Structures are given as C-alpha cells and as structure tokens.
Amino acid sequence: MDSVRLDVWLDVSCLFPTRSRAKAACEGGKVDVNGARAKPHREIRVGDRIAVSGGGPVGARRELIVRGLAERSIPKAKARELYEDVTPPAPPELVEARRMDRMLTPRDSGGRPDRRDRRERIRFKRERDR
C-alpha cells in the first residue's frame, strides 16, 4: 500500500472521531496537504505534510507529517505512530492570555438543579412577573 484516501487516514489516525467528520472538515477547507486545500478523496503518501485547522482555540492549526499509512482502525497508541506532529509551540503571550481567560470565565454550577433550586427559580419568576 503506497497511498490512502485522506479522509480514511484522518479517521484511522484518530485526528477525527469518524470518517464523515474528517470528510466534512476536508470539504469545509479545514485540511491542507502540502500547502494546497485537499478534498477527502485525495490520496496521501508517506512524507506528505498535512495542516489541520479548527477544533481548538481560534487560529489553532496542527502541522503533521505522514509517517505511516493504514486503511483499517488500529489501536490509538499505534495510530499516533502514523504521523509526526511538527506544530510550532504557541508564543508565551498567547499561552498566558489563554490561562487568564480560563481563570476569568465563570464556572458552571454543573448538573441539574435540585428541588430547592427549582423552587427558588419559580419564586423568583413569580415575583418578577408581578
């Protein structure tokens, strides 16, 4: 095997959870191969450079070099051996800004409201509507 469809390889290498999501990303212009926009049916070979954008912070772009090919699902540990991640590290200013954003965003209370919370909301709405 000297080439594999791009959408199949993206799925097998665990970069996308399903082949259909990999296909949608390719059709949406989120995947480039060797600097050119790639369609899902494009054949890739060992040594190709793939850039995948999206799925993370704004402007996040992963740069990968294909090191192996597979057409069938394989264990995740072996799937990571199919590519080499050559994404440059984020600048320290951006890392610090992301950390500050996480610290300043309000935390969700999490889960469903219990009986007391529901009754408080009902009382609040009744008082507000009066």
N, C-alpha and C. Protein backbone atom coordinates (compact mmCIF):
# COMPACT_ATOMS: atom_id res chain seq x y z
N MET A 1 0.86 -1.17 0.00
CA MET A 1 0.00 0.00 0.00
C MET A 1 0.91 1.23 0.00
N ASP A 2 0.75 2.05 -1.04
CA ASP A 2 1.58 3.25 -1.12
C ASP A 2 0.78 4.53 -1.01
N SER A 3 -0.57 4.44 -0.98
CA SER A 3 -1.38 5.64 -0.77
C SER A 3 -2.72 5.24 -0.15
N VAL A 4 -3.34 6.23 0.54
CA VAL A 4 -4.62 6.04 1.22
C VAL A 4 -5.43 7.31 1.04
N ARG A 5 -6.76 7.17 0.99
CA ARG A 5 -7.62 8.35 0.94
C ARG A 5 -7.40 9.21 2.18
N LEU A 6 -7.41 10.50 2.00
CA LEU A 6 -7.17 11.44 3.10
C LEU A 6 -8.19 11.29 4.22
N ASP A 7 -9.48 11.23 3.90
CA ASP A 7 -10.49 11.15 4.96
C ASP A 7 -10.38 9.85 5.75
N VAL A 8 -10.01 8.77 5.08
CA VAL A 8 -9.83 7.49 5.77
C VAL A 8 -8.62 7.59 6.71
N TRP A 9 -7.52 8.16 6.23
CA TRP A 9 -6.31 8.27 7.05
C TRP A 9 -6.54 9.16 8.27
N LEU A 10 -7.28 10.26 8.09
CA LEU A 10 -7.57 11.16 9.22
C LEU A 10 -8.39 10.45 10.29
N ASP A 11 -9.29 9.57 9.87
CA ASP A 11 -10.10 8.80 10.82
C ASP A 11 -9.25 7.75 11.51
N VAL A 12 -8.49 6.98 10.75
CA VAL A 12 -7.68 5.89 11.31
C VAL A 12 -6.60 6.44 12.25
N SER A 13 -6.06 7.62 11.94
CA SER A 13 -5.00 8.19 12.78
C SER A 13 -5.55 8.89 14.01
N CYS A 14 -6.87 8.80 14.23
CA CYS A 14 -7.55 9.35 15.41
C CYS A 14 -7.48 10.88 15.49
N LEU A 15 -7.34 11.55 14.36
CA LEU A 15 -7.39 13.01 14.34
C LEU A 15 -8.84 13.51 14.31
N PHE A 16 -9.74 12.67 13.80
CA PHE A 16 -11.17 12.94 13.80
C PHE A 16 -11.88 11.69 14.30
N PRO A 17 -13.01 11.86 15.01
CA PRO A 17 -13.68 10.70 15.59
C PRO A 17 -14.31 9.76 14.55
N THR A 18 -14.71 10.30 13.39
CA THR A 18 -15.33 9.46 12.36
C THR A 18 -14.83 9.91 10.99
N ARG A 19 -14.99 9.02 10.01
CA ARG A 19 -14.59 9.37 8.65
C ARG A 19 -15.48 10.47 8.10
N SER A 20 -16.75 10.47 8.47
CA SER A 20 -17.65 11.50 7.95
C SER A 20 -17.27 12.89 8.49
N ARG A 21 -16.81 12.97 9.71
CA ARG A 21 -16.34 14.28 10.23
C ARG A 21 -15.06 14.71 9.54
N ALA A 22 -14.18 13.75 9.25
CA ALA A 22 -12.96 14.07 8.51
C ALA A 22 -13.32 14.57 7.11
N LYS A 23 -14.30 13.94 6.48
CA LYS A 23 -14.75 14.34 5.16
C LYS A 23 -15.33 15.75 5.21
N ALA A 24 -16.14 16.04 6.22
CA ALA A 24 -16.74 17.36 6.36
C ALA A 24 -15.67 18.43 6.56
N ALA A 25 -14.63 18.11 7.33
CA ALA A 25 -13.54 19.07 7.56
C ALA A 25 -12.79 19.34 6.25
N CYS A 26 -12.57 18.31 5.46
CA CYS A 26 -11.89 18.49 4.18
C CYS A 26 -12.74 19.36 3.25
N GLU A 27 -14.03 19.06 3.18
CA GLU A 27 -14.92 19.83 2.31
C GLU A 27 -15.08 21.28 2.81
N GLY A 28 -14.91 21.50 4.09
CA GLY A 28 -15.02 22.84 4.67
C GLY A 28 -13.73 23.64 4.59
N GLY A 29 -12.69 23.08 3.98
CA GLY A 29 -11.44 23.81 3.82
C GLY A 29 -10.57 23.83 5.06
N LYS A 30 -10.78 22.89 5.98
CA LYS A 30 -10.01 22.86 7.22
C LYS A 30 -8.74 22.02 7.12
N VAL A 31 -8.56 21.33 5.99
CA VAL A 31 -7.41 20.43 5.84
C VAL A 31 -6.64 20.80 4.57
N ASP A 32 -5.33 20.98 4.71
CA ASP A 32 -4.44 21.24 3.57
C ASP A 32 -3.41 20.12 3.50
N VAL A 33 -3.05 19.74 2.29
CA VAL A 33 -2.00 18.76 2.08
C VAL A 33 -0.93 19.40 1.21
N ASN A 34 0.28 19.44 1.71
CA ASN A 34 1.43 20.05 1.01
C ASN A 34 1.12 21.48 0.57
N GLY A 35 0.41 22.22 1.42
CA GLY A 35 0.15 23.62 1.17
C GLY A 35 -1.07 23.92 0.30
N ALA A 36 -1.76 22.90 -0.17
CA ALA A 36 -2.93 23.11 -1.02
C ALA A 36 -4.17 22.53 -0.34
N ARG A 37 -5.31 23.18 -0.56
CA ARG A 37 -6.57 22.69 0.00
C ARG A 37 -6.83 21.29 -0.52
N ALA A 38 -7.26 20.40 0.37
CA ALA A 38 -7.41 18.99 0.00
C ALA A 38 -8.86 18.55 0.05
N LYS A 39 -9.22 17.74 -0.91
CA LYS A 39 -10.55 17.12 -0.93
C LYS A 39 -10.44 15.76 -0.24
N PRO A 40 -11.56 15.24 0.26
CA PRO A 40 -11.50 14.00 1.04
C PRO A 40 -10.99 12.79 0.25
N HIS A 41 -11.19 12.77 -1.06
CA HIS A 41 -10.77 11.62 -1.85
C HIS A 41 -9.30 11.68 -2.28
N ARG A 42 -8.60 12.72 -1.91
CA ARG A 42 -7.19 12.85 -2.29
C ARG A 42 -6.38 11.72 -1.67
N GLU A 43 -5.49 11.17 -2.46
CA GLU A 43 -4.60 10.11 -1.99
C GLU A 43 -3.37 10.74 -1.33
N ILE A 44 -3.03 10.27 -0.14
CA ILE A 44 -1.84 10.78 0.54
C ILE A 44 -0.80 9.68 0.61
N ARG A 45 0.45 10.09 0.71
CA ARG A 45 1.57 9.16 0.76
C ARG A 45 2.47 9.50 1.95
N VAL A 46 3.35 8.60 2.28
CA VAL A 46 4.30 8.85 3.36
C VAL A 46 5.16 10.05 2.98
N GLY A 47 5.33 10.99 3.92
CA GLY A 47 6.13 12.18 3.68
C GLY A 47 5.29 13.42 3.38
N ASP A 48 3.99 13.25 3.10
CA ASP A 48 3.13 14.41 2.86
C ASP A 48 2.99 15.23 4.14
N ARG A 49 2.83 16.54 3.96
CA ARG A 49 2.66 17.45 5.10
C ARG A 49 1.20 17.88 5.14
N ILE A 50 0.53 17.62 6.27
CA ILE A 50 -0.89 17.91 6.42
C ILE A 50 -1.06 18.99 7.47
N ALA A 51 -1.91 19.98 7.17
CA ALA A 51 -2.24 21.03 8.13
C ALA A 51 -3.73 20.93 8.41
N VAL A 52 -4.09 20.78 9.70
CA VAL A 52 -5.48 20.65 10.12
C VAL A 52 -5.80 21.84 11.01
N SER A 53 -6.82 22.61 10.64
CA SER A 53 -7.20 23.76 11.48
C SER A 53 -8.57 23.51 12.08
N GLY A 54 -8.85 24.23 13.17
CA GLY A 54 -10.12 24.09 13.85
C GLY A 54 -10.05 23.06 14.96
N GLY A 55 -11.14 23.00 15.72
CA GLY A 55 -11.21 22.03 16.79
C GLY A 55 -10.55 22.47 18.08
N GLY A 56 -10.06 23.68 18.14
CA GLY A 56 -9.40 24.16 19.35
C GLY A 56 -9.54 25.66 19.44
N PRO A 57 -8.58 26.31 20.08
CA PRO A 57 -8.63 27.76 20.19
C PRO A 57 -8.60 28.41 18.81
N VAL A 58 -9.11 29.62 18.72
CA VAL A 58 -9.16 30.32 17.45
C VAL A 58 -7.75 30.41 16.87
N GLY A 59 -7.63 30.02 15.61
CA GLY A 59 -6.34 30.07 14.94
C GLY A 59 -5.47 28.87 15.20
N ALA A 60 -5.94 27.89 15.97
CA ALA A 60 -5.14 26.70 16.24
C ALA A 60 -5.01 25.89 14.96
N ARG A 61 -3.81 25.54 14.60
CA ARG A 61 -3.54 24.80 13.38
C ARG A 61 -2.45 23.78 13.68
N ARG A 62 -2.76 22.52 13.42
CA ARG A 62 -1.78 21.45 13.65
C ARG A 62 -1.07 21.13 12.35
N GLU A 63 0.23 21.02 12.42
CA GLU A 63 1.05 20.64 11.28
C GLU A 63 1.55 19.22 11.52
N LEU A 64 1.30 18.33 10.56
CA LEU A 64 1.65 16.92 10.71
C LEU A 64 2.40 16.44 9.48
N ILE A 65 3.31 15.50 9.68
CA ILE A 65 3.99 14.83 8.58
C ILE A 65 3.60 13.37 8.63
N VAL A 66 3.12 12.84 7.51
CA VAL A 66 2.67 11.45 7.44
C VAL A 66 3.88 10.53 7.53
N ARG A 67 3.88 9.61 8.51
CA ARG A 67 4.98 8.66 8.70
C ARG A 67 4.55 7.22 8.42
N GLY A 68 3.25 6.99 8.31
CA GLY A 68 2.76 5.65 8.04
C GLY A 68 1.35 5.71 7.48
N LEU A 69 0.93 4.60 6.86
CA LEU A 69 -0.40 4.53 6.26
C LEU A 69 -1.16 3.34 6.83
N ALA A 70 -2.47 3.49 6.93
CA ALA A 70 -3.34 2.39 7.37
C ALA A 70 -4.73 2.67 6.82
N GLU A 71 -5.43 1.59 6.44
CA GLU A 71 -6.79 1.74 5.93
C GLU A 71 -7.83 1.29 6.94
N ARG A 72 -7.42 0.49 7.91
CA ARG A 72 -8.34 -0.06 8.90
C ARG A 72 -8.03 0.53 10.26
N SER A 73 -9.00 0.50 11.15
CA SER A 73 -8.81 1.01 12.51
C SER A 73 -7.73 0.21 13.22
N ILE A 74 -6.91 0.93 13.96
CA ILE A 74 -5.84 0.32 14.75
C ILE A 74 -5.89 0.94 16.15
N PRO A 75 -5.21 0.33 17.13
CA PRO A 75 -5.21 0.92 18.47
C PRO A 75 -4.66 2.35 18.45
N LYS A 76 -5.16 3.16 19.37
CA LYS A 76 -4.80 4.57 19.41
C LYS A 76 -3.29 4.79 19.56
N ALA A 77 -2.63 3.94 20.32
CA ALA A 77 -1.18 4.08 20.51
C ALA A 77 -0.45 3.90 19.18
N LYS A 78 -0.90 2.94 18.38
CA LYS A 78 -0.27 2.73 17.07
C LYS A 78 -0.69 3.81 16.08
N ALA A 79 -1.89 4.34 16.26
CA ALA A 79 -2.36 5.40 15.36
C ALA A 79 -1.51 6.65 15.50
N ARG A 80 -1.00 6.92 16.69
CA ARG A 80 -0.14 8.10 16.89
C ARG A 80 1.19 7.95 16.19
N GLU A 81 1.57 6.73 15.84
CA GLU A 81 2.82 6.50 15.12
C GLU A 81 2.67 6.76 13.63
N LEU A 82 1.45 6.99 13.15
CA LEU A 82 1.23 7.24 11.73
C LEU A 82 1.63 8.65 11.32
N TYR A 83 1.85 9.53 12.29
CA TYR A 83 2.21 10.91 11.95
C TYR A 83 3.18 11.47 12.97
N GLU A 84 3.88 12.51 12.54
CA GLU A 84 4.78 13.26 13.42
C GLU A 84 4.21 14.67 13.51
N ASP A 85 3.97 15.13 14.73
CA ASP A 85 3.41 16.46 14.95
C ASP A 85 4.56 17.47 14.97
N VAL A 86 4.58 18.36 13.98
CA VAL A 86 5.62 19.38 13.88
C VAL A 86 5.04 20.78 14.06
N THR A 87 3.93 20.88 14.80
CA THR A 87 3.29 22.16 15.06
C THR A 87 4.23 23.01 15.91
N PRO A 88 4.49 24.25 15.48
CA PRO A 88 5.34 25.11 16.32
C PRO A 88 4.64 25.44 17.62
N PRO A 89 5.39 25.59 18.72
CA PRO A 89 4.75 25.91 20.00
C PRO A 89 4.14 27.31 19.97
N ALA A 90 3.08 27.48 20.77
CA ALA A 90 2.41 28.78 20.84
C ALA A 90 3.31 29.78 21.57
N PRO A 91 3.26 31.06 21.18
CA PRO A 91 4.07 32.07 21.87
C PRO A 91 3.64 32.20 23.32
N PRO A 92 4.57 32.54 24.21
CA PRO A 92 4.25 32.64 25.65
C PRO A 92 3.12 33.63 25.95
N GLU A 93 3.02 34.72 25.17
CA GLU A 93 1.96 35.70 25.40
C GLU A 93 0.59 35.07 25.18
N LEU A 94 0.48 34.24 24.14
CA LEU A 94 -0.79 33.59 23.84
C LEU A 94 -1.13 32.56 24.90
N VAL A 95 -0.15 31.82 25.38
CA VAL A 95 -0.38 30.84 26.43
C VAL A 95 -0.88 31.53 27.70
N GLU A 96 -0.27 32.65 28.05
CA GLU A 96 -0.67 33.41 29.24
C GLU A 96 -2.08 33.98 29.07
N ALA A 97 -2.40 34.48 27.87
CA ALA A 97 -3.74 35.02 27.62
C ALA A 97 -4.80 33.93 27.75
N ARG A 98 -4.52 32.74 27.24
CA ARG A 98 -5.46 31.62 27.37
C ARG A 98 -5.65 31.24 28.83
N ARG A 99 -4.56 31.24 29.60
CA ARG A 99 -4.65 30.91 31.02
C ARG A 99 -5.51 31.92 31.76
N MET A 100 -5.32 33.20 31.45
CA MET A 100 -6.12 34.25 32.10
C MET A 100 -7.60 34.13 31.71
N ASP A 101 -7.87 33.81 30.45
CA ASP A 101 -9.26 33.63 30.02
C ASP A 101 -9.93 32.50 30.80
N ARG A 102 -9.21 31.40 31.00
CA ARG A 102 -9.77 30.28 31.76
C ARG A 102 -10.03 30.67 33.20
N MET A 103 -9.16 31.48 33.77
CA MET A 103 -9.34 31.88 35.16
C MET A 103 -10.52 32.83 35.33
N LEU A 104 -10.78 33.67 34.35
CA LEU A 104 -11.79 34.71 34.48
C LEU A 104 -13.17 34.28 34.00
N THR A 105 -13.29 33.16 33.31
CA THR A 105 -14.61 32.73 32.86
C THR A 105 -15.39 32.17 34.04
N PRO A 106 -16.68 32.47 34.10
CA PRO A 106 -17.48 31.97 35.21
C PRO A 106 -17.64 30.45 35.13
N ARG A 107 -17.63 29.82 36.27
CA ARG A 107 -17.78 28.37 36.35
C ARG A 107 -19.26 28.02 36.35
N ASP A 108 -19.59 26.96 35.65
CA ASP A 108 -20.96 26.46 35.63
C ASP A 108 -21.17 25.63 36.89
N SER A 109 -22.35 25.76 37.48
CA SER A 109 -22.61 25.01 38.70
C SER A 109 -22.64 23.52 38.41
N GLY A 110 -22.97 23.17 37.20
CA GLY A 110 -22.93 21.77 36.78
C GLY A 110 -24.13 20.98 37.22
N GLY A 111 -24.64 20.17 36.35
CA GLY A 111 -25.73 19.27 36.69
C GLY A 111 -27.10 19.93 36.70
N ARG A 112 -28.08 19.11 36.95
CA ARG A 112 -29.45 19.59 37.02
C ARG A 112 -29.70 20.30 38.34
N PRO A 113 -30.59 21.28 38.32
CA PRO A 113 -30.94 21.93 39.58
C PRO A 113 -31.72 20.96 40.47
N ASP A 114 -31.49 21.04 41.77
CA ASP A 114 -32.24 20.18 42.68
C ASP A 114 -33.58 20.85 43.02
N ARG A 115 -34.32 20.24 43.92
CA ARG A 115 -35.66 20.73 44.25
C ARG A 115 -35.61 22.16 44.79
N ARG A 116 -34.67 22.44 45.67
CA ARG A 116 -34.57 23.77 46.26
C ARG A 116 -34.28 24.82 45.19
N ASP A 117 -33.34 24.52 44.28
CA ASP A 117 -33.03 25.47 43.20
C ASP A 117 -34.23 25.71 42.30
N ARG A 118 -34.96 24.66 41.96
CA ARG A 118 -36.14 24.82 41.11
C ARG A 118 -37.19 25.70 41.79
N ARG A 119 -37.41 25.47 43.07
CA ARG A 119 -38.42 26.27 43.79
C ARG A 119 -37.99 27.73 43.91
N GLU A 120 -36.70 27.97 44.11
CA GLU A 120 -36.21 29.35 44.15
C GLU A 120 -36.41 30.04 42.81
N ARG A 121 -36.17 29.33 41.72
CA ARG A 121 -36.38 29.91 40.40
C ARG A 121 -37.85 30.23 40.17
N ILE A 122 -38.73 29.34 40.60
CA ILE A 122 -40.16 29.58 40.43
C ILE A 122 -40.58 30.80 41.22
N ARG A 123 -40.11 30.92 42.50
CA ARG A 123 -40.43 32.09 43.31
C ARG A 123 -39.90 33.37 42.66
N PHE A 124 -38.70 33.31 42.17
CA PHE A 124 -38.09 34.48 41.54
C PHE A 124 -38.91 34.92 40.32
N LYS A 125 -39.32 33.98 39.50
CA LYS A 125 -40.10 34.30 38.30
C LYS A 125 -41.47 34.89 38.69
N ARG A 126 -42.09 34.33 39.73
CA ARG A 126 -43.40 34.85 40.15
C ARG A 126 -43.28 36.28 40.66
N GLU A 127 -42.22 36.56 41.44
CA GLU A 127 -42.02 37.91 41.96
C GLU A 127 -41.67 38.88 40.83
N ARG A 128 -40.93 38.42 39.87
CA ARG A 128 -40.54 39.27 38.76
C ARG A 128 -41.75 39.64 37.88
N ASP A 129 -42.67 38.72 37.72
CA ASP A 129 -43.83 38.93 36.84
C ASP A 129 -44.91 39.78 37.51
N ARG A 130 -44.85 40.01 38.79
CA ARG A 130 -45.88 40.79 39.47
C ARG A 130 -45.83 42.23 39.11
